[in-house]
């Protein structure tokens, strides 16, 4: 049986990929975000020498606040800040879509906060 290879509509160069700063961080605080249009948390994430950044994440369906505390995650840290309701998100926490749920990406083993993904 021959499987069709599904190609992304747009490819990028290695130089494009190098512009994306993807890092490991540890969630150190989680709070509710009642002003978000869809249920979400506000996360404070420690990225080591990059400091602490905040992000909004629609994770309330699969993750409790207790599940998220001290969890290491993968995030893009060099997007411009984005306003979501009355909040400025400073990074994009990465996850995989599973139907309508988001499953967080995280390292298999504990690594130093701020470690670069490449």
C-alpha atoms as a PDB file:
ATOM      1  CA  UNK A   1       0.000   0.000   0.000  1.00  0.00           C
ATOM      2  CA  UNK A   2       1.378   3.409  -0.960  1.00  0.00           C
ATOM      3  CA  UNK A   3       0.688   6.260   1.443  1.00  0.00           C
ATOM      4  CA  UNK A   4       0.419   9.795   0.171  1.00  0.00           C
ATOM      5  CA  UNK A   5       2.838  12.220   1.740  1.00  0.00           C
ATOM      6  CA  UNK A   6       0.937  15.237   2.973  1.00  0.00           C
ATOM      7  CA  UNK A   7       3.053  18.316   2.431  1.00  0.00           C
ATOM      8  CA  UNK A   8       2.691  21.557   4.293  1.00  0.00           C
ATOM      9  CA  UNK A   9       1.550  24.304   1.946  1.00  0.00           C
ATOM     10  CA  UNK A  10       4.567  26.399   2.790  1.00  0.00           C
ATOM     11  CA  UNK A  11       8.095  25.326   3.594  1.00  0.00           C
ATOM     12  CA  UNK A  12      10.615  27.433   5.472  1.00  0.00           C
ATOM     13  CA  UNK A  13      14.382  27.645   5.296  1.00  0.00           C
ATOM     14  CA  UNK A  14      16.801  26.714   8.041  1.00  0.00           C
ATOM     15  CA  UNK A  15      17.433  30.445   8.485  1.00  0.00           C
ATOM     16  CA  UNK A  16      13.688  30.946   9.087  1.00  0.00           C
ATOM     17  CA  UNK A  17      13.726  28.236  11.759  1.00  0.00           C
ATOM     18  CA  UNK A  18      16.762  29.784  13.461  1.00  0.00           C
ATOM     19  CA  UNK A  19      14.776  32.986  14.018  1.00  0.00           C
ATOM     20  CA  UNK A  20      12.381  31.154  16.355  1.00  0.00           C
ATOM     21  CA  UNK A  21      13.644  31.134  19.948  1.00  0.00           C
ATOM     22  CA  UNK A  22      12.146  28.021  21.554  1.00  0.00           C
ATOM     23  CA  UNK A  23      13.051  27.438  25.199  1.00  0.00           C
ATOM     24  CA  UNK A  24      12.305  25.253  28.191  1.00  0.00           C
ATOM     25  CA  UNK A  25      10.727  26.875  31.222  1.00  0.00           C
ATOM     26  CA  UNK A  26       9.132  25.828  34.491  1.00  0.00           C
ATOM     27  CA  UNK A  27       5.675  27.044  35.441  1.00  0.00           C
ATOM     28  CA  UNK A  28       5.979  28.700  38.850  1.00  0.00           C
ATOM     29  CA  UNK A  29       2.510  30.210  39.240  1.00  0.00           C
ATOM     30  CA  UNK A  30      -0.945  29.551  37.766  1.00  0.00           C
ATOM     31  CA  UNK A  31      -3.994  31.746  38.171  1.00  0.00           C
ATOM     32  CA  UNK A  32      -7.463  31.869  36.650  1.00  0.00           C
ATOM     33  CA  UNK A  33      -8.052  34.257  33.742  1.00  0.00           C
ATOM     34  CA  UNK A  34     -11.749  35.130  34.013  1.00  0.00           C
ATOM     35  CA  UNK A  35     -11.619  37.887  31.361  1.00  0.00           C
ATOM     36  CA  UNK A  36     -10.485  35.507  28.597  1.00  0.00           C
ATOM     37  CA  UNK A  37     -13.143  34.677  25.974  1.00  0.00           C
ATOM     38  CA  UNK A  38     -12.462  30.952  26.378  1.00  0.00           C
ATOM     39  CA  UNK A  39     -11.511  29.379  29.721  1.00  0.00           C
ATOM     40  CA  UNK A  40      -7.798  29.942  30.317  1.00  0.00           C
ATOM     41  CA  UNK A  41      -5.063  30.268  32.908  1.00  0.00           C
ATOM     42  CA  UNK A  42      -2.397  32.897  33.334  1.00  0.00           C
ATOM     43  CA  UNK A  43       0.971  31.153  33.670  1.00  0.00           C
ATOM     44  CA  UNK A  44       4.171  32.596  35.121  1.00  0.00           C
ATOM     45  CA  UNK A  45       7.100  30.691  33.663  1.00  0.00           C
ATOM     46  CA  UNK A  46      10.745  30.723  34.795  1.00  0.00           C
ATOM     47  CA  UNK A  47      13.111  30.711  31.806  1.00  0.00           C
ATOM     48  CA  UNK A  48      16.348  30.846  33.824  1.00  0.00           C
ATOM     49  CA  UNK A  49      18.594  33.707  32.759  1.00  0.00           C
ATOM     50  CA  UNK A  50      15.855  34.994  30.404  1.00  0.00           C
ATOM     51  CA  UNK A  51      13.766  35.694  33.510  1.00  0.00           C
ATOM     52  CA  UNK A  52      10.102  35.096  34.242  1.00  0.00           C
ATOM     53  CA  UNK A  53       7.563  35.511  31.449  1.00  0.00           C
ATOM     54  CA  UNK A  54       3.785  35.368  31.541  1.00  0.00           C
ATOM     55  CA  UNK A  55       1.471  33.612  29.121  1.00  0.00           C
ATOM     56  CA  UNK A  56      -2.216  32.903  28.724  1.00  0.00           C
ATOM     57  CA  UNK A  57      -3.053  29.289  27.958  1.00  0.00           C
ATOM     58  CA  UNK A  58      -6.355  27.534  27.234  1.00  0.00           C
ATOM     59  CA  UNK A  59      -5.549  24.439  29.250  1.00  0.00           C
ATOM     60  CA  UNK A  60      -8.395  24.337  31.763  1.00  0.00           C
ATOM     61  CA  UNK A  61     -10.119  21.308  30.238  1.00  0.00           C
ATOM     62  CA  UNK A  62      -7.248  18.855  30.760  1.00  0.00           C
ATOM     63  CA  UNK A  63      -5.052  20.496  33.410  1.00  0.00           C
ATOM     64  CA  UNK A  64      -5.802  21.722  36.904  1.00  0.00           C
ATOM     65  CA  UNK A  65      -3.712  24.515  38.394  1.00  0.00           C
ATOM     66  CA  UNK A  66      -2.074  21.913  40.634  1.00  0.00           C
ATOM     67  CA  UNK A  67      -1.138  19.791  37.585  1.00  0.00           C
ATOM     68  CA  UNK A  68       0.724  22.731  36.069  1.00  0.00           C
ATOM     69  CA  UNK A  69       2.778  24.008  39.016  1.00  0.00           C
ATOM     70  CA  UNK A  70       6.482  23.143  38.528  1.00  0.00           C
ATOM     71  CA  UNK A  71       5.782  21.470  35.184  1.00  0.00           C
ATOM     72  CA  UNK A  72       8.445  22.086  32.543  1.00  0.00           C
ATOM     73  CA  UNK A  73       7.088  23.261  29.220  1.00  0.00           C
ATOM     74  CA  UNK A  74       8.257  24.303  25.748  1.00  0.00           C
ATOM     75  CA  UNK A  75       7.574  27.890  24.645  1.00  0.00           C
ATOM     76  CA  UNK A  76       8.473  30.397  21.965  1.00  0.00           C
ATOM     77  CA  UNK A  77       9.951  33.404  23.749  1.00  0.00           C
ATOM     78  CA  UNK A  78      10.663  35.870  20.935  1.00  0.00           C
ATOM     79  CA  UNK A  79       7.209  36.703  19.608  1.00  0.00           C
ATOM     80  CA  UNK A  80       6.075  40.272  20.259  1.00  0.00           C
ATOM     81  CA  UNK A  81       3.840  40.683  23.300  1.00  0.00           C
ATOM     82  CA  UNK A  82       0.173  40.008  22.551  1.00  0.00           C
ATOM     83  CA  UNK A  83      -2.765  41.540  24.357  1.00  0.00           C
ATOM     84  CA  UNK A  84      -5.477  39.096  25.373  1.00  0.00           C
ATOM     85  CA  UNK A  85      -8.350  40.896  27.130  1.00  0.00           C
ATOM     86  CA  UNK A  86      -6.628  42.937  29.861  1.00  0.00           C
ATOM     87  CA  UNK A  87      -3.443  40.818  29.845  1.00  0.00           C
ATOM     88  CA  UNK A  88      -0.161  41.011  27.879  1.00  0.00           C
ATOM     89  CA  UNK A  89       1.132  37.569  26.933  1.00  0.00           C
ATOM     90  CA  UNK A  90       4.940  37.485  26.682  1.00  0.00           C
ATOM     91  CA  UNK A  91       5.502  34.013  25.229  1.00  0.00           C
ATOM     92  CA  UNK A  92       3.653  31.212  23.440  1.00  0.00           C
ATOM     93  CA  UNK A  93       3.380  27.931  25.327  1.00  0.00           C
ATOM     94  CA  UNK A  94       3.454  25.081  22.828  1.00  0.00           C
ATOM     95  CA  UNK A  95       1.123  22.133  22.706  1.00  0.00           C
ATOM     96  CA  UNK A  96      -0.357  19.595  20.349  1.00  0.00           C
ATOM     97  CA  UNK A  97      -4.026  19.719  19.422  1.00  0.00           C
ATOM     98  CA  UNK A  98      -6.000  16.587  20.232  1.00  0.00           C
ATOM     99  CA  UNK A  99      -9.532  17.295  19.002  1.00  0.00           C
ATOM    100  CA  UNK A 100     -10.304  20.520  20.868  1.00  0.00           C
ATOM    101  CA  UNK A 101      -7.862  19.911  23.710  1.00  0.00           C
ATOM    102  CA  UNK A 102      -4.260  21.082  23.967  1.00  0.00           C
ATOM    103  CA  UNK A 103      -1.620  18.652  25.246  1.00  0.00           C
ATOM    104  CA  UNK A 104       1.451  20.506  26.496  1.00  0.00           C
ATOM    105  CA  UNK A 105       4.836  19.772  24.985  1.00  0.00           C
ATOM    106  CA  UNK A 106       7.477  19.106  27.608  1.00  0.00           C
ATOM    107  CA  UNK A 107      10.943  17.567  27.828  1.00  0.00           C
ATOM    108  CA  UNK A 108      11.254  13.877  28.561  1.00  0.00           C
ATOM    109  CA  UNK A 109      13.714  14.643  31.365  1.00  0.00           C
ATOM    110  CA  UNK A 110      14.235  17.683  33.569  1.00  0.00           C
ATOM    111  CA  UNK A 111      16.512  20.233  31.941  1.00  0.00           C
ATOM    112  CA  UNK A 112      17.820  23.648  32.931  1.00  0.00           C
ATOM    113  CA  UNK A 113      15.314  26.462  32.586  1.00  0.00           C
ATOM    114  CA  UNK A 114      16.080  28.574  29.539  1.00  0.00           C
ATOM    115  CA  UNK A 115      17.566  25.646  27.594  1.00  0.00           C
ATOM    116  CA  UNK A 116      17.257  26.320  23.880  1.00  0.00           C
ATOM    117  CA  UNK A 117      15.454  23.942  21.546  1.00  0.00           C
ATOM    118  CA  UNK A 118      17.184  23.411  18.241  1.00  0.00           C
END
